[in-house]
Protein backbone atom coordinates (compact mmCIF):
# COMPACT_ATOMS: atom_id res chain seq x y z
CA MET A 1 10.75 12.38 20.47
CA THR A 2 7.96 9.88 20.08
CA THR A 3 5.48 10.70 17.49
CA GLY A 4 2.46 9.47 19.39
CA VAL A 5 1.12 7.62 16.21
CA GLU A 6 2.67 4.61 14.67
CA THR A 7 2.44 5.56 10.96
CA PHE A 8 5.59 4.19 9.25
CA PHE A 9 4.81 0.55 8.88
CA ARG A 10 1.73 1.35 6.70
CA SER A 11 1.86 -1.24 4.03
CA ARG A 12 -0.21 -4.39 4.16
CA TRP A 13 2.93 -6.27 3.28
CA VAL A 14 4.95 -5.15 6.33
CA SER A 15 4.35 -5.70 10.10
CA ARG A 16 5.88 -3.69 12.82
CA PRO A 17 8.02 -6.27 14.73
CA ASP A 18 7.38 -7.04 18.43
CA GLY A 19 9.63 -4.79 20.62
CA VAL A 20 9.82 -2.03 18.12
CA ARG A 21 8.70 1.57 19.04
CA GLU A 22 8.53 4.40 16.39
CA LEU A 23 10.33 7.62 17.28
CA GLU A 24 10.33 10.89 15.43
CA PRO A 25 11.49 9.96 11.79
CA SER A 26 14.29 12.47 11.49
CA HIS A 27 15.77 11.57 14.88
CA LEU A 28 19.41 10.36 14.77
CA PRO A 29 20.86 7.83 17.42
CA ALA A 30 23.35 8.72 19.92
CA GLY A 31 26.81 9.39 18.49
CA PHE A 32 25.75 10.82 15.25
CA ARG A 33 25.56 14.30 13.71
CA ALA A 34 24.40 15.39 10.31
CA ALA A 35 23.93 18.62 8.28
CA ALA A 36 23.01 19.63 4.89
CA VAL A 37 23.20 22.81 2.58
CA ALA A 38 22.12 23.83 -0.96
CA THR A 39 24.68 24.58 -3.64
CA GLY A 40 22.57 24.92 -6.62
CA SER A 41 22.89 21.43 -8.00
CA LYS A 42 19.08 21.04 -7.89
CA PRO A 43 16.94 23.18 -10.41
CA SER A 44 14.67 23.56 -7.24
CA GLY A 45 17.22 25.18 -5.27
CA ARG A 46 16.88 22.87 -2.42
CA LEU A 47 19.41 21.14 -0.06
CA ASP A 48 21.74 19.05 -2.17
CA VAL A 49 24.81 18.28 -0.17
CA GLY A 50 24.68 16.33 3.18
CA VAL A 51 27.28 15.13 5.69
CA LEU A 52 26.69 12.29 8.23
CA VAL A 53 29.37 11.89 10.93
CA CYS A 54 29.78 9.19 13.72
CA ASP A 55 31.64 10.70 16.50
CA HIS A 56 32.85 7.48 18.07
CA ASP A 57 36.08 6.40 16.76
CA GLU A 58 35.46 2.62 17.64
CA ALA A 59 32.33 2.55 15.24
CA THR A 60 31.82 -0.28 13.16
CA SER A 61 30.25 -0.12 9.61
CA THR A 62 29.37 -1.95 6.42
CA ALA A 63 28.42 -0.92 2.78
CA LEU A 64 27.01 -2.52 -0.38
CA PHE A 65 27.05 -1.10 -3.95
CA THR A 66 25.49 -1.28 -7.33
CA THR A 67 26.49 -4.17 -9.64
CA ASN A 68 26.25 -2.08 -12.71
CA ALA A 69 29.48 -2.18 -14.77
CA VAL A 70 29.28 1.51 -15.50
CA ALA A 71 29.67 2.29 -11.66
CA GLY A 72 29.93 6.06 -10.79
CA ALA A 73 33.24 7.61 -9.49
CA PRO A 74 31.73 7.76 -5.87
CA VAL A 75 31.19 4.03 -5.95
CA GLN A 76 34.64 3.44 -7.34
CA VAL A 77 36.05 5.57 -4.41
CA SER A 78 33.98 4.16 -1.83
CA ARG A 79 34.81 0.63 -2.70
CA ARG A 80 38.27 1.24 -1.79
CA ALA A 81 37.44 2.66 1.68
CA GLN A 82 37.81 0.90 4.92
CA LEU A 83 34.10 -0.28 4.76
CA ASP A 84 34.17 -2.14 8.28
CA ARG A 85 35.21 1.19 10.25
CA LEU A 86 33.89 4.16 8.41
CA ARG A 87 33.47 7.38 10.54
CA ALA A 88 31.46 9.50 7.93
CA VAL A 89 29.80 9.66 4.63
CA VAL A 90 29.33 12.71 2.30
CA VAL A 91 26.62 12.84 -0.40
CA ASN A 92 25.51 15.17 -3.06
CA ALA A 93 22.17 14.97 -5.16
CA GLY A 94 21.73 16.40 -8.69
CA ASN A 95 24.60 15.12 -10.23
CA ALA A 96 25.59 11.46 -10.23
CA ASN A 97 29.31 11.95 -10.97
CA VAL A 98 29.08 9.08 -13.43
CA GLY A 99 30.81 8.91 -16.75
CA THR A 100 33.23 11.70 -15.74
CA GLY A 101 36.53 9.83 -15.96
CA ALA A 102 39.52 10.65 -13.99
CA ARG A 103 38.20 14.06 -13.26
CA GLY A 104 35.22 12.48 -11.48
CA ILE A 105 37.40 10.18 -9.50
CA GLU A 106 39.45 13.27 -8.36
CA VAL A 107 36.27 15.21 -7.26
CA ALA A 108 35.04 12.17 -5.32
CA GLU A 109 38.28 11.77 -3.63
CA ALA A 110 38.36 15.52 -2.64
CA MET A 111 34.90 15.12 -1.24
CA THR A 112 36.01 12.50 1.17
CA ALA A 113 39.38 14.30 1.97
CA LYS A 114 37.40 17.42 2.85
CA VAL A 115 35.32 15.51 5.33
CA ALA A 116 38.25 13.49 6.63
CA GLY A 117 40.36 16.64 7.38
CA THR A 118 37.81 18.34 9.42
CA ILE A 119 36.85 15.22 11.57
CA GLN A 120 40.61 14.28 11.78
CA VAL A 121 40.40 10.78 10.25
CA GLU A 122 42.15 9.25 7.16
CA PRO A 123 40.03 9.72 3.99
CA ALA A 124 39.65 5.91 3.81
CA ARG A 125 37.23 6.14 6.59
CA VAL A 126 34.95 8.44 4.74
CA GLY A 127 32.37 7.15 2.25
CA VAL A 128 30.91 9.01 -0.66
CA ALA A 129 27.74 8.84 -2.66
CA SER A 130 26.08 10.97 -5.38
CA THR A 131 22.94 10.69 -7.38
CA GLY A 132 21.34 12.68 -10.10
CA VAL A 133 21.92 13.29 -13.82
CA ILE A 134 24.65 11.02 -15.50
CA ALA A 135 27.62 11.96 -17.70
CA VAL A 136 27.79 15.63 -16.49
CA GLN A 137 30.99 16.85 -14.76
CA LEU A 138 30.32 17.66 -10.97
CA GLU A 139 31.59 21.16 -10.19
CA ARG A 140 34.42 20.60 -7.76
CA GLU A 141 34.86 23.95 -5.95
CA ARG A 142 31.18 24.40 -5.52
CA ILE A 143 30.64 20.97 -4.10
CA LEU A 144 33.69 21.38 -1.78
CA GLU A 145 32.36 24.80 -0.51
CA GLY A 146 28.97 23.02 0.32
CA ILE A 147 30.71 20.34 2.12
CA ALA A 148 32.36 22.90 4.16
CA GLY A 149 29.25 24.57 4.96
CA ALA A 150 27.50 21.12 5.92
CA LEU A 151 30.47 20.41 8.25
CA ALA A 152 30.20 23.75 10.07
CA GLY A 153 26.58 23.03 10.78
CA LEU A 154 26.70 19.32 12.07
CA SER A 155 24.21 18.72 14.64
CA PRO A 156 22.58 15.91 16.45
CA ASP A 157 19.25 17.29 15.02
CA GLY A 158 20.42 17.26 11.41
CA GLY A 159 18.79 14.09 10.32
CA GLY A 160 15.88 15.81 8.67
CA ASP A 161 17.98 17.92 6.59
CA PHE A 162 20.13 15.22 5.50
CA SER A 163 17.15 13.05 4.37
CA GLU A 164 16.01 15.98 2.33
CA ALA A 165 19.41 16.77 0.74
CA ILE A 166 19.65 13.06 -0.86
CA LEU A 167 16.42 13.52 -2.77
CA THR A 168 16.28 13.72 -6.62
CA SER A 169 12.99 12.84 -8.34
CA ASP A 170 11.49 11.62 -4.97
CA ARG A 171 8.10 13.17 -4.08
CA GLY A 172 9.38 13.57 -0.35
CA PRO A 173 11.80 12.12 2.12
CA LYS A 174 11.90 8.42 2.88
CA ARG A 175 13.08 8.15 6.57
CA ALA A 176 12.33 6.33 9.81
CA CYS A 177 13.50 5.96 13.30
CA VAL A 178 12.64 3.30 15.80
CA GLU A 179 13.73 1.98 19.11
CA VAL A 180 14.50 -1.69 19.49
CA GLY A 181 14.31 -3.49 22.96
CA LEU A 182 17.27 -5.86 23.39
CA SER A 183 18.20 -7.87 26.32
CA ALA A 184 20.52 -5.16 27.70
CA GLY A 185 18.21 -2.34 27.07
CA PRO A 186 16.86 -0.15 24.16
CA VAL A 187 18.92 0.83 21.05
CA VAL A 188 17.86 3.28 18.31
CA VAL A 189 18.00 2.58 14.54
CA SER A 190 17.31 5.39 11.92
CA VAL A 191 17.40 5.17 8.18
CA GLN A 192 17.44 7.69 5.39
CA CYS A 193 16.75 6.44 1.94
CA LYS A 194 16.02 7.82 -1.36
CA GLY A 195 14.84 6.17 -4.90
CA ALA A 196 12.14 6.53 -7.38
CA GLY A 197 13.37 6.04 -10.80
CA MET A 198 16.07 3.80 -12.37
CA ILE A 199 15.20 0.92 -10.00
CA SER A 200 15.69 -2.77 -10.74
CA PRO A 201 16.16 -5.65 -8.31
CA ALA A 202 19.97 -6.39 -8.49
CA PHE A 203 20.97 -4.36 -5.23
CA ALA A 204 20.70 -1.73 -4.14
CA THR A 205 18.36 0.31 -6.11
CA MET A 206 18.91 3.52 -4.14
CA LEU A 207 20.79 5.42 -1.78
CA CYS A 208 20.43 4.39 1.88
CA PHE A 209 22.14 5.35 5.03
CA VAL A 210 21.59 3.48 8.31
CA GLU A 211 22.67 4.53 11.83
CA THR A 212 22.38 2.75 15.18
CA ASP A 213 23.88 3.36 18.65
CA ALA A 214 23.96 -0.22 19.33
CA VAL A 215 27.39 -2.09 19.78
CA VAL A 216 27.65 -4.45 16.85
CA ASP A 217 30.70 -6.01 15.38
CA ALA A 218 31.21 -5.30 11.56
CA ALA A 219 30.73 -8.96 10.61
CA THR A 220 27.31 -9.12 12.31
CA LEU A 221 26.35 -5.64 11.01
CA ASN A 222 27.10 -6.85 7.42
CA ARG A 223 25.36 -9.97 7.84
CA MET A 224 22.17 -8.42 9.11
CA VAL A 225 22.17 -5.73 6.43
CA ARG A 226 22.70 -8.12 3.66
CA GLY A 227 19.93 -10.39 4.91
CA ALA A 228 17.54 -7.35 5.23
CA THR A 229 18.42 -6.21 1.75
CA ALA A 230 17.94 -9.52 0.14
CA ARG A 231 14.28 -9.40 1.49
CA SER A 232 13.69 -5.90 0.53
CA PHE A 233 15.68 -3.66 -1.69
CA ASP A 234 16.56 -6.62 -3.88
CA ARG A 235 12.88 -7.33 -4.31
CA ILE A 236 11.60 -4.16 -6.10
CA THR A 237 11.56 -2.77 -9.47
CA VAL A 238 10.25 0.42 -11.11
CA ASP A 239 11.45 0.27 -14.55
CA GLY A 240 13.96 -2.60 -14.72
CA GLN A 241 16.97 -0.22 -14.95
CA LEU A 242 20.05 -0.75 -12.61
CA SER A 243 21.39 2.49 -11.33
CA THR A 244 25.14 3.19 -11.74
CA SER A 245 25.06 4.92 -8.09
CA ASP A 246 23.22 2.52 -5.80
CA SER A 247 25.04 2.55 -2.48
CA LEU A 248 24.12 1.48 1.05
CA PHE A 249 26.08 2.57 4.12
CA ALA A 250 25.27 1.30 7.74
CA PHE A 251 27.05 2.75 10.83
CA ALA A 252 27.08 1.26 14.44
CA SER A 253 28.25 3.95 16.83
CA GLY A 254 28.10 1.80 20.13
CA ALA A 255 27.08 4.88 22.17
CA SER A 256 24.17 2.97 23.98
CA GLY A 257 26.54 0.32 25.43
CA CYS A 258 23.97 -2.32 24.44
CA GLU A 259 25.45 -5.15 22.43
CA VAL A 260 23.86 -7.05 19.52
CA ALA A 261 25.71 -10.30 20.20
CA PRO A 262 26.18 -12.63 17.34
CA LYS A 263 23.78 -15.31 16.28
CA GLY A 264 21.70 -15.08 19.43
CA GLY A 265 18.27 -13.59 20.36
CA ASP A 266 19.29 -9.94 20.23
CA GLU A 267 20.53 -10.46 16.79
CA ARG A 268 17.34 -11.84 15.71
CA LEU A 269 15.30 -8.96 17.29
CA PHE A 270 17.69 -6.20 15.69
CA ALA A 271 17.60 -8.06 12.46
CA ALA A 272 13.79 -8.31 12.46
CA ALA A 273 13.56 -4.56 12.96
CA LEU A 274 16.14 -3.77 10.29
CA GLY A 275 14.33 -6.08 7.92
CA ALA A 276 10.79 -4.35 8.41
CA LEU A 277 12.48 -0.85 8.17
CA PHE A 278 14.00 -1.93 4.70
CA ARG A 279 10.95 -3.67 3.49
CA GLN A 280 8.75 -0.58 4.28
CA LEU A 281 11.25 1.71 2.53
CA ALA A 282 11.47 -0.68 -0.36
CA VAL A 283 7.74 -0.40 -0.81
CA GLU A 284 7.84 3.43 -0.48
CA ILE A 285 10.40 3.66 -3.28
CA VAL A 286 8.17 1.57 -5.62
CA ALA A 287 5.15 3.75 -4.57
CA ASP A 288 7.18 6.84 -5.43
CA GLY A 289 8.12 5.59 -9.06
CA GLU A 290 7.98 8.80 -10.92
CA GLY A 291 4.20 8.74 -11.62
CA THR A 292 3.36 5.60 -9.73
CA THR A 293 -0.49 5.13 -8.68
CA ARG A 294 -0.32 1.86 -7.30
CA VAL A 295 2.00 -1.07 -6.25
CA ALA A 296 1.59 -4.76 -6.79
CA ARG A 297 3.23 -7.71 -4.95
CA LEU A 298 3.88 -10.80 -7.15
CA ALA A 299 4.56 -14.03 -5.45
CA VAL A 300 5.92 -16.70 -7.82
CA HIS A 301 6.04 -20.58 -6.84
CA GLY A 302 7.71 -23.16 -8.77
CA PRO A 303 11.02 -24.49 -9.99
CA ALA A 304 13.99 -22.73 -8.77
CA ALA A 305 15.43 -21.85 -12.23
CA SER A 306 12.10 -20.27 -13.21
CA VAL A 307 10.70 -18.24 -10.36
CA GLU A 308 13.20 -15.37 -10.53
CA PRO A 309 13.13 -14.66 -14.13
CA VAL A 310 9.43 -15.22 -14.42
CA ALA A 311 8.92 -12.62 -11.67
CA ARG A 312 11.11 -10.07 -13.30
CA ALA A 313 9.54 -10.65 -16.70
CA VAL A 314 6.14 -9.95 -15.25
CA GLY A 315 7.21 -7.06 -12.99
CA ASP A 316 8.99 -5.15 -15.79
CA SER A 317 6.48 -5.89 -18.55
CA PRO A 318 5.21 -2.68 -19.93
CA LEU A 319 2.08 -4.12 -20.83
CA VAL A 320 1.42 -5.60 -17.45
CA LYS A 321 2.45 -2.17 -15.99
CA CYS A 322 0.06 -0.35 -18.13
CA ALA A 323 -2.86 -2.66 -17.26
CA LEU A 324 -2.07 -2.09 -13.47
CA HIS A 325 -2.22 1.53 -14.12
CA GLY A 326 -5.66 1.21 -15.77
CA ALA A 327 -6.85 -1.10 -12.95
CA ASP A 328 -7.50 -3.54 -15.74
CA PRO A 329 -7.32 -7.36 -14.52
CA ASN A 330 -5.78 -8.27 -17.90
CA TRP A 331 -4.20 -11.59 -16.77
CA GLY A 332 -3.46 -12.53 -20.41
CA ARG A 333 -0.68 -10.17 -20.18
CA ILE A 334 0.63 -11.70 -17.06
CA LEU A 335 0.63 -15.28 -18.75
CA GLN A 336 2.40 -13.89 -21.85
CA ALA A 337 5.27 -12.17 -19.91
CA ALA A 338 5.63 -15.49 -17.69
CA GLY A 339 5.86 -17.56 -20.89
CA GLN A 340 8.31 -15.09 -22.32
CA ALA A 341 10.61 -15.93 -19.43
CA GLY A 342 10.18 -19.72 -19.91
CA GLY A 343 7.45 -20.38 -17.55
CA ASP A 344 5.43 -23.63 -17.87
CA ALA A 345 2.11 -23.31 -19.96
CA ALA A 346 0.20 -24.85 -17.27
CA LEU A 347 0.22 -21.86 -14.87
CA ASP A 348 -2.07 -21.02 -12.00
CA LEU A 349 -2.75 -17.42 -11.37
CA SER A 350 -4.78 -15.54 -8.62
CA ILE A 351 -5.40 -11.83 -8.25
CA GLU A 352 -6.19 -10.90 -4.57
CA GLY A 353 -6.97 -14.35 -3.74
CA ILE A 354 -9.53 -14.75 -6.58
CA PRO A 355 -8.38 -17.69 -9.03
CA VAL A 356 -8.45 -16.44 -12.50
CA VAL A 357 -6.34 -19.09 -14.43
CA ARG A 358 -5.83 -22.74 -13.59
CA ARG A 359 -3.30 -24.97 -15.52
CA GLY A 360 -3.08 -22.19 -18.15
CA THR A 361 -6.89 -21.99 -18.78
CA ASP A 362 -8.96 -18.98 -18.13
CA LEU A 363 -11.54 -19.69 -15.29
CA PRO A 364 -15.09 -18.44 -15.52
CA LEU A 365 -16.01 -15.82 -12.88
CA GLY A 366 -19.34 -14.93 -11.38
CA ASP A 367 -20.61 -11.53 -11.15
CA ASP A 368 -19.67 -11.07 -7.46
CA GLU A 369 -16.10 -12.23 -8.32
CA ARG A 370 -15.84 -9.76 -11.15
CA ARG A 371 -16.99 -7.03 -9.05
CA GLN A 372 -14.64 -7.84 -6.22
CA LEU A 373 -11.83 -8.03 -8.71
CA ASP A 374 -12.54 -4.72 -10.28
CA GLU A 375 -12.60 -3.21 -6.83
CA SER A 376 -9.33 -4.76 -5.87
CA MET A 377 -7.50 -3.69 -8.98
CA ARG A 378 -8.33 -0.03 -7.97
CA ALA A 379 -6.69 -0.19 -4.77
CA SER A 380 -3.14 1.43 -3.87
CA GLU A 381 -1.77 -2.19 -3.33
CA VAL A 382 -2.62 -5.29 -5.41
CA GLU A 383 -1.59 -8.89 -4.64
CA LEU A 384 -0.77 -11.30 -7.51
CA ALA A 385 0.19 -15.12 -6.93
CA LEU A 386 1.62 -17.06 -9.90
CA SER A 387 2.24 -20.90 -9.56
CA ILE A 388 4.46 -22.76 -11.94
CA PRO A 389 4.26 -26.64 -11.90
CA GLY A 390 7.35 -28.76 -11.08
CA GLY A 391 9.06 -26.98 -8.18
CA ASP A 392 8.95 -25.69 -4.66
CA ALA A 393 10.91 -22.53 -4.82
CA ASP A 394 9.66 -18.97 -4.19
CA ALA A 395 10.28 -15.57 -5.52
CA GLU A 396 8.80 -12.23 -4.65
CA LEU A 397 8.74 -8.79 -6.47
CA PHE A 398 7.20 -5.66 -5.73
CA PHE A 399 6.64 -3.54 -8.91
CA CYS A 400 4.43 -0.42 -9.94
CA ASP A 401 2.27 0.64 -12.87
CA LEU A 402 3.54 2.68 -15.82
CA SER A 403 1.93 6.06 -16.00
CA GLU A 404 1.70 9.09 -18.45
CA GLU A 405 3.58 11.12 -15.81
CA TYR A 406 6.58 8.45 -15.81
CA VAL A 407 6.95 9.02 -19.72
CA ARG A 408 6.53 12.80 -19.38
CA PHE A 409 9.09 13.12 -16.53
CA ASN A 410 11.81 10.98 -18.12
CA SER A 411 11.41 12.39 -21.68
CA GLU A 412 12.05 15.97 -20.29
CA TYR A 413 14.52 14.83 -17.46
CA THR A 414 17.76 16.81 -19.05
CA THR A 415 15.79 19.44 -21.07
């Protein structure tokens, strides 16, 4: 089950926590089964319907959803579910079931009912998620037939197929599995995630599914998930567009018998592992941004009212993103975007630790500094630090470049 090589925590901005051991990334913790099938929703013909089931009736869970007012039918149905005691989730990719009215709600409810009937729980204990094209009706019977096929194939080894089925424009699956050493023994945490476009930091910016065999009460699980999300998925942007379908589901089967006691050392260990998993996956989403060639981390320090809008203005600026794509250290565009959001004129800016602006004024650079700056801008990850006078608050944002591929892909998406 171990990979022999620790390869998941590969970003310079994410460290593997102490006591965490990487396992085979498609592995599921004890108490979980999954499966996926292809129904033809994706033009590629690949897997597009997945089901994830927790076999322990005393399992706990939590969920978070998009804040977009135009939420899809699956989000609306899932919000009404028993989110602290879910037993399963069903997901389809290729069609988001958004903007589909009463018919879309009926299809989403039928999806949960199909799973609930098979595993013998009430439909309110099944979540549903969809991703793909918006404002196209989801074919009810085809999807239900696919769900039946997935249910028939449920397996403890189905995590890999499930992680493939949730993808849309992603280059590949985003998944991980780790073992976390707690005081009572080891527990396993696995995550499957998707996201590439329509990404903006306002939660949740993707579909994400989390499973653990730890014993965790629902309130503690919710607290840890929200904390980890605030430092990861809420801190990324690809295009500043908030999806209508963003959903995160987390389940704890309790099959290991090892408890994460609330507000103690074990919670801190588990939360650190979850936070690192989410943070690496968040960087992976930005790095997969439909044509992305490099990722930037922007750290903004200054007044509490300014740091967040300034970070978003810079990270979502098409001019800044184009400069990043060209490996062009055009810091004038960063200053413009910051000023547009209300940042003070007397800004300090450094790129990869090299000061380029002090109190709003361009700094002269020597030949060695310019060579170092040019080399740093061509790397796959670039660090930016912006300081605004008059405050002591901080904001962090991960964003990506804007490429010709992003424009081409999104101009042809439904044609």
